[in-house]
């Protein structure tokens, strides 16, 4: 009779640990969402304040990626 009781106890402990891990994962997920939202808002604000700089940087990165891609295909 003791074996099923021990198994139930172990199941309960595992379930409690799993619930704890899930809670921590939810907290991490919420924190990452908050950080991502803050970063997106900051990026949006910066782009709205400096639209021509943003266009220049995007154009420059596009040219750089294009050149690097063309060079790698040429090998």
Protein backbone atom coordinates (compact mmCIF):
# COMPACT_ATOMS: atom_id res chain seq x y z
CA UNK A 1 0.00 0.00 0.00
CA UNK A 2 2.93 2.35 0.54
CA UNK A 3 4.10 2.30 -3.10
CA UNK A 4 1.03 4.06 -4.55
CA UNK A 5 1.20 6.65 -1.78
CA UNK A 6 4.88 7.32 -2.53
CA UNK A 7 4.10 7.58 -6.24
CA UNK A 8 1.30 10.06 -5.54
CA UNK A 9 3.69 12.11 -3.42
CA UNK A 10 6.30 12.13 -6.18
CA UNK A 11 3.64 13.08 -8.75
CA UNK A 12 2.56 15.95 -6.54
CA UNK A 13 6.14 17.17 -6.15
CA UNK A 14 6.76 16.97 -9.89
CA UNK A 15 3.49 18.78 -10.60
CA UNK A 16 4.41 21.55 -8.14
CA UNK A 17 7.86 21.95 -9.73
CA UNK A 18 6.33 22.04 -13.21
CA UNK A 19 3.81 24.69 -12.17
CA UNK A 20 6.65 26.73 -10.66
CA UNK A 21 8.68 26.48 -13.88
CA UNK A 22 5.64 27.46 -15.95
CA UNK A 23 5.04 30.52 -13.75
CA UNK A 24 8.66 31.60 -14.10
CA UNK A 25 8.49 31.12 -17.87
CA UNK A 26 5.35 33.27 -18.02
CA UNK A 27 7.10 36.00 -16.04
CA UNK A 28 10.11 35.89 -18.37
CA UNK A 29 7.81 36.02 -21.38
CA UNK A 30 5.96 39.05 -20.01
CA UNK A 31 9.24 40.81 -19.24
CA UNK A 32 10.52 40.12 -22.77
CA UNK A 33 7.27 41.43 -24.24
CA UNK A 34 7.59 44.63 -22.20
CA UNK A 35 11.21 45.09 -23.28
CA UNK A 36 10.36 44.43 -26.91
CA UNK A 37 7.47 46.89 -26.80
CA UNK A 38 9.69 49.54 -25.23
CA UNK A 39 12.40 48.98 -27.85
CA UNK A 40 9.86 49.17 -30.69
CA UNK A 41 8.44 52.43 -29.31
CA UNK A 42 11.92 53.91 -28.95
CA UNK A 43 12.79 52.88 -32.50
CA UNK A 44 9.55 54.35 -33.83
CA UNK A 45 10.18 57.61 -32.00
CA UNK A 46 13.74 57.85 -33.31
CA UNK A 47 12.67 57.14 -36.89
CA UNK A 48 9.89 59.74 -36.68
CA UNK A 49 12.32 62.33 -35.29
CA UNK A 50 15.02 61.58 -37.89
CA UNK A 51 13.34 60.14 -41.00
CA UNK A 52 16.11 61.06 -43.46
CA UNK A 53 18.81 59.59 -41.27
CA UNK A 54 16.77 56.39 -40.98
CA UNK A 55 16.34 56.22 -44.75
CA UNK A 56 20.06 56.78 -45.28
CA UNK A 57 21.00 54.06 -42.83
CA UNK A 58 18.50 51.62 -44.36
CA UNK A 59 19.78 52.41 -47.85
CA UNK A 60 23.40 51.98 -46.76
CA UNK A 61 22.68 48.65 -45.09
CA UNK A 62 20.83 47.50 -48.20
CA UNK A 63 23.78 48.39 -50.41
CA UNK A 64 26.21 46.67 -48.04
CA UNK A 65 24.13 43.48 -47.91
CA UNK A 66 23.79 43.56 -51.71
CA UNK A 67 27.53 43.91 -52.20
CA UNK A 68 28.31 41.14 -49.74
CA UNK A 69 25.73 38.86 -51.36
CA UNK A 70 27.07 39.56 -54.83
CA UNK A 71 30.64 38.86 -53.68
CA UNK A 72 29.66 35.56 -52.05
CA UNK A 73 27.89 34.40 -55.22
CA UNK A 74 30.92 35.30 -57.29
CA UNK A 75 33.20 32.86 -55.43
